[in-house]
Amino acid sequence: MAELKRPLTLLLAAPRGFCAGVDRAIQIVEEALGKWGAPVYVRHEIVHNRHVVERLEALGAVFVEELDECPTDRPVIFSAHGVPKSVPAEAALREMIYVDATCPLVSKVHVEAERHYKAGREIVLIGHAGHPEVVGTMGQLPDGVMTLVETVEDAEAFQPRDPANIAFVTQTTLSVDDTAEIVDTLQRRFPEISAPHKEDICYATTNRQEAVKAMAGEADLVLVIGAETSSNSKRLVDVAKRAGAGDARLVASAEDVVWAWFDGVETLGLTAGASAPEDLVQGLILACRDRFDVTVNEVTVTREDVVFKLPRVLA
């Protein structure tokens, strides 16, 4: 007689997975391959997900770290995270065909930083050192113009040249709550600091965090599908723990799940970072069904209908 599977309630966060900026970046690589044929070069991972990168490699995309690894007679695409101004300048100098897949919401932060700089303000960038988006944003302006602040302690220690003439911008994929604490610190210390017209943290990051908050309190374990290099995915783990989940872990796919984590787990929360494809989510649900009697309940906080246009060069 077949062994009875133990019941497992699976709370599935919505929205989850791909955002409009990631969708657009992947589409740009696919369209470029269709237009120019293989190989098409991509500077840095187009998005932070190994599964996505490997699928595009199979289609003929070649991923490189720097522009000097690209031949001048093939197109090159810049990743969704954005690049320093020096990169397109160098591509133009080498007379390369290039396509910028920077997410429009990251470009908005670049434009904001430029506006503050032209107005003579000293700029604080709230973000994580070394993240490609931060490197790209800081590279929009001359060295020394922007100060990176990663923590509340950094915000307390920051000493501007003129406290009455500063502004802040933020990386788009941060934890809304962590950033709020840093912003509160800066605004308490510098009441005249210029803030973004509209929150820099992107709608998709915010929505995915809200969906996790909505289910975390009921979950004994929350699994976030995403890459170790994905800032927004790692933030979802932090948000789940803070919102009351019994435990929360980041996994690249079902293959990374340690099933011992499920001991005593009656309710599982499941979500995916903005660069993780939906087939990985469905794969993990199937892996759970193999082991448990699964009931899936979707926890929906909002519906997303944002679509970003492709660059003109691909029209």
C-alpha atoms as a PDB file:
ATOM      1  CA  MET A   1       0.000   0.000   0.000  1.00  0.00           C
ATOM      2  CA  ALA A   2       1.290   3.486  -0.939  1.00  0.00           C
ATOM      3  CA  GLU A   3       2.592   5.443   2.017  1.00  0.00           C
ATOM      4  CA  LEU A   4       0.350   8.356   3.015  1.00  0.00           C
ATOM      5  CA  LYS A   5       2.074  11.662   2.387  1.00  0.00           C
ATOM      6  CA  ARG A   6       2.081  14.193   5.172  1.00  0.00           C
ATOM      7  CA  PRO A   7       0.038  17.350   4.387  1.00  0.00           C
ATOM      8  CA  LEU A   8       1.858  20.587   3.520  1.00  0.00           C
ATOM      9  CA  THR A   9       0.189  23.956   2.982  1.00  0.00           C
ATOM     10  CA  LEU A  10       2.143  25.960   0.406  1.00  0.00           C
ATOM     11  CA  LEU A  11       1.617  29.728   0.411  1.00  0.00           C
ATOM     12  CA  LEU A  12       2.640  31.044  -2.995  1.00  0.00           C
ATOM     13  CA  ALA A  13       3.534  34.749  -3.069  1.00  0.00           C
ATOM     14  CA  ALA A  14       2.203  36.985  -5.832  1.00  0.00           C
ATOM     15  CA  PRO A  15       3.750  38.957  -7.361  1.00  0.00           C
ATOM     16  CA  ARG A  16       6.965  36.923  -7.597  1.00  0.00           C
ATOM     17  CA  GLY A  17       9.699  36.267 -10.141  1.00  0.00           C
ATOM     18  CA  PHE A  18      10.451  38.282 -13.272  1.00  0.00           C
ATOM     19  CA  CYS A  19       9.822  42.019 -13.200  1.00  0.00           C
ATOM     20  CA  ALA A  20       9.343  44.244 -16.276  1.00  0.00           C
ATOM     21  CA  GLY A  21      13.019  45.323 -16.303  1.00  0.00           C
ATOM     22  CA  VAL A  22      14.255  41.709 -16.293  1.00  0.00           C
ATOM     23  CA  ASP A  23      11.696  40.688 -18.932  1.00  0.00           C
ATOM     24  CA  ARG A  24      12.884  43.549 -21.130  1.00  0.00           C
ATOM     25  CA  ALA A  25      16.600  42.750 -20.671  1.00  0.00           C
ATOM     26  CA  ILE A  26      16.119  39.087 -21.617  1.00  0.00           C
ATOM     27  CA  GLN A  27      13.985  40.085 -24.594  1.00  0.00           C
ATOM     28  CA  ILE A  28      16.731  42.498 -25.712  1.00  0.00           C
ATOM     29  CA  VAL A  29      19.266  39.642 -25.882  1.00  0.00           C
ATOM     30  CA  GLU A  30      16.798  37.394 -27.733  1.00  0.00           C
ATOM     31  CA  GLU A  31      15.876  40.165 -30.216  1.00  0.00           C
ATOM     32  CA  ALA A  32      19.550  41.062 -30.766  1.00  0.00           C
ATOM     33  CA  LEU A  33      20.313  37.418 -31.589  1.00  0.00           C
ATOM     34  CA  GLY A  34      17.369  37.441 -34.011  1.00  0.00           C
ATOM     35  CA  LYS A  35      18.536  40.664 -35.663  1.00  0.00           C
ATOM     36  CA  TRP A  36      22.323  40.153 -35.838  1.00  0.00           C
ATOM     37  CA  GLY A  37      22.698  36.388 -35.385  1.00  0.00           C
ATOM     38  CA  ALA A  38      25.122  34.698 -32.967  1.00  0.00           C
ATOM     39  CA  PRO A  39      27.327  35.528 -31.252  1.00  0.00           C
ATOM     40  CA  VAL A  40      26.027  38.577 -29.427  1.00  0.00           C
ATOM     41  CA  TYR A  41      28.197  39.704 -26.494  1.00  0.00           C
ATOM     42  CA  VAL A  42      26.784  40.705 -23.112  1.00  0.00           C
ATOM     43  CA  ARG A  43      28.845  42.692 -20.593  1.00  0.00           C
ATOM     44  CA  HIS A  44      28.184  41.104 -17.158  1.00  0.00           C
ATOM     45  CA  GLU A  45      25.307  38.705 -16.472  1.00  0.00           C
ATOM     46  CA  ILE A  46      22.265  40.258 -18.163  1.00  0.00           C
ATOM     47  CA  VAL A  47      20.357  39.541 -14.918  1.00  0.00           C
ATOM     48  CA  HIS A  48      21.552  37.793 -11.776  1.00  0.00           C
ATOM     49  CA  ASN A  49      20.349  34.276 -12.514  1.00  0.00           C
ATOM     50  CA  ARG A  50      22.467  31.365 -13.699  1.00  0.00           C
ATOM     51  CA  HIS A  51      19.516  29.524 -15.294  1.00  0.00           C
ATOM     52  CA  VAL A  52      18.644  32.569 -17.417  1.00  0.00           C
ATOM     53  CA  VAL A  53      22.285  33.082 -18.404  1.00  0.00           C
ATOM     54  CA  GLU A  54      22.761  29.433 -19.414  1.00  0.00           C
ATOM     55  CA  ARG A  55      19.606  29.472 -21.570  1.00  0.00           C
ATOM     56  CA  LEU A  56      20.820  32.613 -23.395  1.00  0.00           C
ATOM     57  CA  GLU A  57      24.314  31.105 -23.795  1.00  0.00           C
ATOM     58  CA  ALA A  58      22.698  28.130 -25.532  1.00  0.00           C
ATOM     59  CA  LEU A  59      21.057  30.570 -27.975  1.00  0.00           C
ATOM     60  CA  GLY A  60      24.414  32.183 -28.802  1.00  0.00           C
ATOM     61  CA  ALA A  61      24.976  34.915 -26.205  1.00  0.00           C
ATOM     62  CA  VAL A  62      28.562  35.264 -24.939  1.00  0.00           C
ATOM     63  CA  PHE A  63      28.921  36.750 -21.441  1.00  0.00           C
ATOM     64  CA  VAL A  64      32.055  38.750 -20.653  1.00  0.00           C
ATOM     65  CA  GLU A  65      33.183  40.872 -17.729  1.00  0.00           C
ATOM     66  CA  GLU A  66      34.627  43.835 -19.619  1.00  0.00           C
ATOM     67  CA  LEU A  67      34.238  45.521 -22.987  1.00  0.00           C
ATOM     68  CA  ASP A  68      37.820  44.799 -24.088  1.00  0.00           C
ATOM     69  CA  GLU A  69      36.887  41.091 -24.235  1.00  0.00           C
ATOM     70  CA  CYS A  70      34.438  41.843 -27.077  1.00  0.00           C
ATOM     71  CA  PRO A  71      35.384  41.953 -30.781  1.00  0.00           C
ATOM     72  CA  THR A  72      34.466  45.268 -32.427  1.00  0.00           C
ATOM     73  CA  ASP A  73      32.517  43.611 -35.257  1.00  0.00           C
ATOM     74  CA  ARG A  74      29.845  42.044 -33.023  1.00  0.00           C
ATOM     75  CA  PRO A  75      27.047  43.752 -31.048  1.00  0.00           C
ATOM     76  CA  VAL A  76      27.401  44.116 -27.283  1.00  0.00           C
ATOM     77  CA  ILE A  77      24.604  44.466 -24.727  1.00  0.00           C
ATOM     78  CA  PHE A  78      24.925  46.190 -21.335  1.00  0.00           C
ATOM     79  CA  SER A  79      23.180  44.446 -18.425  1.00  0.00           C
ATOM     80  CA  ALA A  80      19.931  45.479 -16.735  1.00  0.00           C
ATOM     81  CA  HIS A  81      21.884  46.803 -13.716  1.00  0.00           C
ATOM     82  CA  GLY A  82      23.312  49.758 -15.669  1.00  0.00           C
ATOM     83  CA  VAL A  83      26.907  50.697 -16.480  1.00  0.00           C
ATOM     84  CA  PRO A  84      29.250  53.614 -15.759  1.00  0.00           C
ATOM     85  CA  LYS A  85      29.214  56.317 -18.467  1.00  0.00           C
ATOM     86  CA  SER A  86      32.738  55.315 -19.467  1.00  0.00           C
ATOM     87  CA  VAL A  87      31.448  52.007 -20.918  1.00  0.00           C
ATOM     88  CA  PRO A  88      29.155  53.300 -23.727  1.00  0.00           C
ATOM     89  CA  ALA A  89      31.770  56.025 -24.355  1.00  0.00           C
ATOM     90  CA  GLU A  90      34.414  53.349 -24.935  1.00  0.00           C
ATOM     91  CA  ALA A  91      32.027  51.303 -27.146  1.00  0.00           C
ATOM     92  CA  ALA A  92      31.355  54.409 -29.269  1.00  0.00           C
ATOM     93  CA  LEU A  93      35.093  55.080 -29.513  1.00  0.00           C
ATOM     94  CA  ARG A  94      35.641  51.525 -30.776  1.00  0.00           C
ATOM     95  CA  GLU A  95      32.724  52.024 -33.228  1.00  0.00           C
ATOM     96  CA  MET A  96      30.839  49.052 -31.785  1.00  0.00           C
ATOM     97  CA  ILE A  97      27.117  48.394 -32.104  1.00  0.00           C
ATOM     98  CA  TYR A  98      25.834  48.456 -28.524  1.00  0.00           C
ATOM     99  CA  VAL A  99      22.421  48.070 -26.907  1.00  0.00           C
ATOM    100  CA  ASP A 100      21.773  49.331 -23.394  1.00  0.00           C
ATOM    101  CA  ALA A 101      19.479  46.972 -21.459  1.00  0.00           C
ATOM    102  CA  THR A 102      19.626  49.109 -18.278  1.00  0.00           C
ATOM    103  CA  CYS A 103      16.276  48.891 -16.482  1.00  0.00           C
ATOM    104  CA  PRO A 104      14.380  52.185 -17.012  1.00  0.00           C
ATOM    105  CA  LEU A 105      13.927  52.464 -13.216  1.00  0.00           C
ATOM    106  CA  VAL A 106      17.717  52.328 -12.763  1.00  0.00           C
ATOM    107  CA  SER A 107      18.097  54.918 -15.543  1.00  0.00           C
ATOM    108  CA  LYS A 108      15.670  57.131 -13.587  1.00  0.00           C
ATOM    109  CA  VAL A 109      18.096  57.074 -10.625  1.00  0.00           C
ATOM    110  CA  HIS A 110      20.971  57.986 -12.987  1.00  0.00           C
ATOM    111  CA  VAL A 111      18.998  60.985 -14.279  1.00  0.00           C
ATOM    112  CA  GLU A 112      18.178  62.057 -10.705  1.00  0.00           C
ATOM    113  CA  ALA A 113      21.841  61.882  -9.646  1.00  0.00           C
ATOM    114  CA  GLU A 114      22.838  63.934 -12.702  1.00  0.00           C
ATOM    115  CA  ARG A 115      20.196  66.559 -11.844  1.00  0.00           C
ATOM    116  CA  HIS A 116      21.483  66.899  -8.263  1.00  0.00           C
ATOM    117  CA  TYR A 117      25.066  67.143  -9.510  1.00  0.00           C
ATOM    118  CA  LYS A 118      24.169  69.917 -11.962  1.00  0.00           C
ATOM    119  CA  ALA A 119      22.406  71.734  -9.106  1.00  0.00           C
ATOM    120  CA  GLY A 120      25.704  71.603  -7.153  1.00  0.00           C
ATOM    121  CA  ARG A 121      24.509  69.178  -4.477  1.00  0.00           C
ATOM    122  CA  GLU A 122      26.665  66.569  -2.774  1.00  0.00           C
ATOM    123  CA  ILE A 123      25.035  63.161  -3.311  1.00  0.00           C
ATOM    124  CA  VAL A 124      24.566  60.190  -0.979  1.00  0.00           C
ATOM    125  CA  LEU A 125      23.873  56.835  -2.658  1.00  0.00           C
ATOM    126  CA  ILE A 126      22.213  54.281  -0.379  1.00  0.00           C
ATOM    127  CA  GLY A 127      23.272  50.851  -1.630  1.00  0.00           C
ATOM    128  CA  HIS A 128      25.613  47.860  -1.401  1.00  0.00           C
ATOM    129  CA  ALA A 129      29.297  48.302  -2.289  1.00  0.00           C
ATOM    130  CA  GLY A 130      30.389  46.348  -5.345  1.00  0.00           C
ATOM    131  CA  HIS A 131      26.877  45.623  -6.644  1.00  0.00           C
ATOM    132  CA  PRO A 132      26.829  46.264 -10.438  1.00  0.00           C
ATOM    133  CA  GLU A 133      23.948  48.722 -10.062  1.00  0.00           C
ATOM    134  CA  VAL A 134      25.896  50.759  -7.504  1.00  0.00           C
ATOM    135  CA  VAL A 135      29.032  50.678  -9.687  1.00  0.00           C
ATOM    136  CA  GLY A 136      26.925  51.875 -12.639  1.00  0.00           C
ATOM    137  CA  THR A 137      25.205  54.666 -10.691  1.00  0.00           C
ATOM    138  CA  MET A 138      28.437  55.962  -9.135  1.00  0.00           C
ATOM    139  CA  GLY A 139      29.989  55.836 -12.598  1.00  0.00           C
ATOM    140  CA  GLN A 140      27.488  58.371 -13.936  1.00  0.00           C
ATOM    141  CA  LEU A 141      29.388  61.202 -12.249  1.00  0.00           C
ATOM    142  CA  PRO A 142      33.018  62.185 -11.608  1.00  0.00           C
ATOM    143  CA  ASP A 143      34.861  60.397  -8.776  1.00  0.00           C
ATOM    144  CA  GLY A 144      34.258  61.773  -5.291  1.00  0.00           C
ATOM    145  CA  VAL A 145      30.924  63.431  -6.096  1.00  0.00           C
ATOM    146  CA  MET A 146      28.856  60.587  -4.627  1.00  0.00           C
ATOM    147  CA  THR A 147      29.259  58.977  -1.195  1.00  0.00           C
ATOM    148  CA  LEU A 148      28.059  55.401  -0.692  1.00  0.00           C
ATOM    149  CA  VAL A 149      26.108  54.766   2.512  1.00  0.00           C
ATOM    150  CA  GLU A 150      25.365  51.095   3.302  1.00  0.00           C
ATOM    151  CA  THR A 151      24.108  51.179   6.912  1.00  0.00           C
ATOM    152  CA  VAL A 152      22.509  53.374   9.579  1.00  0.00           C
ATOM    153  CA  GLU A 153      26.022  53.622  11.106  1.00  0.00           C
ATOM    154  CA  ASP A 154      27.356  55.000   7.797  1.00  0.00           C
ATOM    155  CA  ALA A 155      24.504  57.524   7.748  1.00  0.00           C
ATOM    156  CA  GLU A 156      25.380  58.617  11.310  1.00  0.00           C
ATOM    157  CA  ALA A 157      29.056  59.000  10.401  1.00  0.00           C
ATOM    158  CA  PHE A 158      28.593  60.842   7.074  1.00  0.00           C
ATOM    159  CA  GLN A 159      30.104  64.350   7.131  1.00  0.00           C
ATOM    160  CA  PRO A 160      29.047  66.464   4.132  1.00  0.00           C
ATOM    161  CA  ARG A 161      30.895  69.560   2.980  1.00  0.00           C
ATOM    162  CA  ASP A 162      27.683  71.610   3.275  1.00  0.00           C
ATOM    163  CA  PRO A 163      24.824  70.032   5.284  1.00  0.00           C
ATOM    164  CA  ALA A 164      22.332  72.419   3.638  1.00  0.00           C
ATOM    165  CA  ASN A 165      23.218  71.268   0.124  1.00  0.00           C
ATOM    166  CA  ILE A 166      22.953  67.486  -0.142  1.00  0.00           C
ATOM    167  CA  ALA A 167      20.661  64.905  -1.775  1.00  0.00           C
ATOM    168  CA  PHE A 168      20.195  61.143  -1.653  1.00  0.00           C
ATOM    169  CA  VAL A 169      19.341  58.452  -4.195  1.00  0.00           C
ATOM    170  CA  THR A 170      19.078  54.693  -3.637  1.00  0.00           C
ATOM    171  CA  GLN A 171      19.847  51.393  -5.303  1.00  0.00           C
ATOM    172  CA  THR A 172      16.530  50.065  -6.693  1.00  0.00           C
ATOM    173  CA  THR A 173      16.696  46.553  -5.174  1.00  0.00           C
ATOM    174  CA  LEU A 174      17.107  47.259  -1.458  1.00  0.00           C
ATOM    175  CA  SER A 175      14.923  46.271   1.473  1.00  0.00           C
ATOM    176  CA  VAL A 176      12.271  48.959   1.855  1.00  0.00           C
ATOM    177  CA  ASP A 177      12.465  48.754   5.662  1.00  0.00           C
ATOM    178  CA  ASP A 178      16.281  48.880   5.913  1.00  0.00           C
ATOM    179  CA  THR A 179      16.393  51.841   3.541  1.00  0.00           C
ATOM    180  CA  ALA A 180      13.687  53.656   5.513  1.00  0.00           C
ATOM    181  CA  GLU A 181      15.903  53.506   8.634  1.00  0.00           C
ATOM    182  CA  ILE A 182      18.873  54.949   6.730  1.00  0.00           C
ATOM    183  CA  VAL A 183      16.705  57.678   5.161  1.00  0.00           C
ATOM    184  CA  ASP A 184      15.238  58.546   8.590  1.00  0.00           C
ATOM    185  CA  THR A 185      18.776  58.933   9.961  1.00  0.00           C
ATOM    186  CA  LEU A 186      19.862  61.197   7.101  1.00  0.00           C
ATOM    187  CA  GLN A 187      16.688  63.306   7.333  1.00  0.00           C
ATOM    188  CA  ARG A 188      17.054  63.667  11.099  1.00  0.00           C
ATOM    189  CA  ARG A 189      20.691  64.787  10.730  1.00  0.00           C
ATOM    190  CA  PHE A 190      20.145  66.906   7.609  1.00  0.00           C
ATOM    191  CA  PRO A 191      16.569  68.241   7.536  1.00  0.00           C
ATOM    192  CA  GLU A 192      17.207  70.024   4.223  1.00  0.00           C
ATOM    193  CA  ILE A 193      18.414  66.915   2.336  1.00  0.00           C
ATOM    194  CA  SER A 194      16.765  66.546  -1.102  1.00  0.00           C
ATOM    195  CA  ALA A 195      14.827  63.283  -1.500  1.00  0.00           C
ATOM    196  CA  PRO A 196      13.720  61.556  -4.735  1.00  0.00           C
ATOM    197  CA  HIS A 197      10.387  62.823  -6.147  1.00  0.00           C
ATOM    198  CA  LYS A 198       9.231  59.217  -6.070  1.00  0.00           C
ATOM    199  CA  GLU A 199      10.706  56.277  -4.147  1.00  0.00           C
ATOM    200  CA  ASP A 200      13.829  54.941  -5.928  1.00  0.00           C
ATOM    201  CA  ILE A 201      13.262  51.360  -4.742  1.00  0.00           C
ATOM    202  CA  CYS A 202      11.442  49.846  -7.698  1.00  0.00           C
ATOM    203  CA  TYR A 203       7.789  48.825  -7.658  1.00  0.00           C
ATOM    204  CA  ALA A 204       8.710  45.152  -8.252  1.00  0.00           C
ATOM    205  CA  THR A 205      11.115  44.993  -5.291  1.00  0.00           C
ATOM    206  CA  THR A 206       8.483  46.628  -3.070  1.00  0.00           C
ATOM    207  CA  ASN A 207       5.649  44.358  -4.269  1.00  0.00           C
ATOM    208  CA  ARG A 208       7.678  41.178  -3.779  1.00  0.00           C
ATOM    209  CA  GLN A 209       8.614  42.260  -0.258  1.00  0.00           C
ATOM    210  CA  GLU A 210       4.966  43.095   0.566  1.00  0.00           C
ATOM    211  CA  ALA A 211       3.824  39.655  -0.669  1.00  0.00           C
ATOM    212  CA  VAL A 212       6.421  37.971   1.563  1.00  0.00           C
ATOM    213  CA  LYS A 213       5.332  40.072   4.551  1.00  0.00           C
ATOM    214  CA  ALA A 214       1.710  39.011   3.917  1.00  0.00           C
ATOM    215  CA  MET A 215       2.520  35.302   4.267  1.00  0.00           C
ATOM    216  CA  ALA A 216       5.633  35.118   6.483  1.00  0.00           C
ATOM    217  CA  GLY A 217       3.758  35.195   9.797  1.00  0.00           C
ATOM    218  CA  GLU A 218       1.903  31.976   8.883  1.00  0.00           C
ATOM    219  CA  ALA A 219       4.940  30.162   7.435  1.00  0.00           C
ATOM    220  CA  ASP A 220       7.170  27.757   9.366  1.00  0.00           C
ATOM    221  CA  LEU A 221       9.658  28.057   6.497  1.00  0.00           C
ATOM    222  CA  VAL A 222       9.941  30.495   3.573  1.00  0.00           C
ATOM    223  CA  LEU A 223      11.975  29.534   0.498  1.00  0.00           C
ATOM    224  CA  VAL A 224      13.117  32.301  -1.844  1.00  0.00           C
ATOM    225  CA  ILE A 225      14.228  31.164  -5.294  1.00  0.00           C
ATOM    226  CA  GLY A 226      17.058  33.370  -6.502  1.00  0.00           C
ATOM    227  CA  ALA A 227      20.790  33.702  -7.011  1.00  0.00           C
ATOM    228  CA  GLU A 228      23.354  34.393  -4.280  1.00  0.00           C
ATOM    229  CA  THR A 229      24.370  37.463  -6.359  1.00  0.00           C
ATOM    230  CA  SER A 230      20.794  38.800  -6.549  1.00  0.00           C
ATOM    231  CA  SER A 231      20.329  41.687  -4.128  1.00  0.00           C
ATOM    232  CA  ASN A 232      16.523  41.707  -4.279  1.00  0.00           C
ATOM    233  CA  SER A 233      16.349  37.917  -3.665  1.00  0.00           C
ATOM    234  CA  LYS A 234      18.589  38.119  -0.585  1.00  0.00           C
ATOM    235  CA  ARG A 235      16.482  40.988   0.750  1.00  0.00           C
ATOM    236  CA  LEU A 236      13.364  38.768   0.486  1.00  0.00           C
ATOM    237  CA  VAL A 237      14.996  36.289   2.904  1.00  0.00           C
ATOM    238  CA  ASP A 238      15.687  39.132   5.380  1.00  0.00           C
ATOM    239  CA  VAL A 239      12.125  40.453   5.006  1.00  0.00           C
ATOM    240  CA  ALA A 240      10.617  36.990   5.633  1.00  0.00           C
ATOM    241  CA  LYS A 241      12.625  36.497   8.828  1.00  0.00           C
ATOM    242  CA  ARG A 242      11.754  39.953  10.094  1.00  0.00           C
ATOM    243  CA  ALA A 243       8.058  39.463   9.281  1.00  0.00           C
ATOM    244  CA  GLY A 244       7.819  36.361  11.487  1.00  0.00           C
ATOM    245  CA  ALA A 245       8.672  33.312   9.382  1.00  0.00           C
ATOM    246  CA  GLY A 246       9.958  30.367  11.431  1.00  0.00           C
ATOM    247  CA  ASP A 247      12.929  30.161   9.048  1.00  0.00           C
ATOM    248  CA  ALA A 248      13.782  31.570   5.609  1.00  0.00           C
ATOM    249  CA  ARG A 249      16.353  30.416   3.063  1.00  0.00           C
ATOM    250  CA  LEU A 250      17.616  31.319  -0.383  1.00  0.00           C
ATOM    251  CA  VAL A 251      17.780  28.476  -2.945  1.00  0.00           C
ATOM    252  CA  ALA A 252      18.816  28.607  -6.605  1.00  0.00           C
ATOM    253  CA  SER A 253      16.322  25.844  -7.518  1.00  0.00           C
ATOM    254  CA  ALA A 254      14.634  22.697  -6.156  1.00  0.00           C
ATOM    255  CA  GLU A 255      18.003  20.910  -6.402  1.00  0.00           C
ATOM    256  CA  ASP A 256      19.379  23.087  -3.578  1.00  0.00           C
ATOM    257  CA  VAL A 257      16.619  22.278  -1.101  1.00  0.00           C
ATOM    258  CA  VAL A 258      17.728  20.316   1.965  1.00  0.00           C
ATOM    259  CA  TRP A 259      14.602  18.333   2.808  1.00  0.00           C
ATOM    260  CA  ALA A 260      15.620  18.090   6.475  1.00  0.00           C
ATOM    261  CA  TRP A 261      14.592  21.787   6.647  1.00  0.00           C
ATOM    262  CA  PHE A 262      10.986  20.537   6.350  1.00  0.00           C
ATOM    263  CA  ASP A 263      11.032  18.619   9.633  1.00  0.00           C
ATOM    264  CA  GLY A 264       8.101  20.022  11.612  1.00  0.00           C
ATOM    265  CA  VAL A 265       7.092  22.343   8.751  1.00  0.00           C
ATOM    266  CA  GLU A 266       3.319  22.392   8.159  1.00  0.00           C
ATOM    267  CA  THR A 267       3.174  25.648   6.172  1.00  0.00           C
ATOM    268  CA  LEU A 268       5.726  26.620   3.530  1.00  0.00           C
ATOM    269  CA  GLY A 269       5.969  30.099   2.016  1.00  0.00           C
ATOM    270  CA  LEU A 270       7.386  30.253  -1.515  1.00  0.00           C
ATOM    271  CA  THR A 271       8.497  33.202  -3.637  1.00  0.00           C
ATOM    272  CA  ALA A 272      11.106  34.100  -6.248  1.00  0.00           C
ATOM    273  CA  GLY A 273      13.351  37.114  -6.749  1.00  0.00           C
ATOM    274  CA  ALA A 274      12.846  39.467  -9.703  1.00  0.00           C
ATOM    275  CA  SER A 275      15.413  37.666 -11.874  1.00  0.00           C
ATOM    276  CA  ALA A 276      14.215  34.086 -11.224  1.00  0.00           C
ATOM    277  CA  PRO A 277      12.114  32.367 -13.924  1.00  0.00           C
ATOM    278  CA  GLU A 278       8.704  30.888 -13.075  1.00  0.00           C
ATOM    279  CA  ASP A 279       9.705  27.367 -14.220  1.00  0.00           C
ATOM    280  CA  LEU A 280      12.032  27.187 -11.177  1.00  0.00           C
ATOM    281  CA  VAL A 281       9.054  27.975  -8.918  1.00  0.00           C
ATOM    282  CA  GLN A 282       6.932  25.289 -10.568  1.00  0.00           C
ATOM    283  CA  GLY A 283       9.861  22.841 -10.328  1.00  0.00           C
ATOM    284  CA  LEU A 284      10.062  23.385  -6.589  1.00  0.00           C
ATOM    285  CA  ILE A 285       6.300  22.916  -6.197  1.00  0.00           C
ATOM    286  CA  LEU A 286       6.568  19.581  -8.089  1.00  0.00           C
ATOM    287  CA  ALA A 287       9.455  18.495  -5.837  1.00  0.00           C
ATOM    288  CA  CYS A 288       7.245  19.259  -2.807  1.00  0.00           C
ATOM    289  CA  ARG A 289       4.338  17.282  -4.327  1.00  0.00           C
ATOM    290  CA  ASP A 290       6.641  14.249  -4.689  1.00  0.00           C
ATOM    291  CA  ARG A 291       7.168  14.250  -0.929  1.00  0.00           C
ATOM    292  CA  PHE A 292       4.039  15.810   0.588  1.00  0.00           C
ATOM    293  CA  ASP A 293       0.303  16.111   0.087  1.00  0.00           C
ATOM    294  CA  VAL A 294       0.461  19.751  -1.039  1.00  0.00           C
ATOM    295  CA  THR A 295      -2.322  22.350  -0.932  1.00  0.00           C
ATOM    296  CA  VAL A 296      -1.325  25.549  -2.759  1.00  0.00           C
ATOM    297  CA  ASN A 297      -2.829  28.872  -1.628  1.00  0.00           C
ATOM    298  CA  GLU A 298      -1.792  31.989  -3.550  1.00  0.00           C
ATOM    299  CA  VAL A 299      -1.170  35.090  -1.421  1.00  0.00           C
ATOM    300  CA  THR A 300      -1.701  38.044  -3.770  1.00  0.00           C
ATOM    301  CA  VAL A 301      -0.996  41.618  -2.674  1.00  0.00           C
ATOM    302  CA  THR A 302      -1.267  43.295  -6.096  1.00  0.00           C
ATOM    303  CA  ARG A 303      -1.315  42.630  -9.851  1.00  0.00           C
ATOM    304  CA  GLU A 304       1.529  43.961 -12.005  1.00  0.00           C
ATOM    305  CA  ASP A 305       0.951  45.210 -15.544  1.00  0.00           C
ATOM    306  CA  VAL A 306       4.129  47.243 -16.143  1.00  0.00           C
ATOM    307  CA  VAL A 307       5.784  46.764 -19.550  1.00  0.00           C
ATOM    308  CA  PHE A 308       8.910  48.606 -20.752  1.00  0.00           C
ATOM    309  CA  LYS A 309       9.520  49.341 -24.438  1.00  0.00           C
ATOM    310  CA  LEU A 310      12.548  47.883 -26.211  1.00  0.00           C
ATOM    311  CA  PRO A 311      15.363  50.198 -27.389  1.00  0.00           C
ATOM    312  CA  ARG A 312      14.822  51.782 -30.802  1.00  0.00           C
ATOM    313  CA  VAL A 313      17.851  50.047 -32.303  1.00  0.00           C
ATOM    314  CA  LEU A 314      15.940  46.736 -32.078  1.00  0.00           C
ATOM    315  CA  ALA A 315      12.716  48.063 -33.647  1.00  0.00           C
END
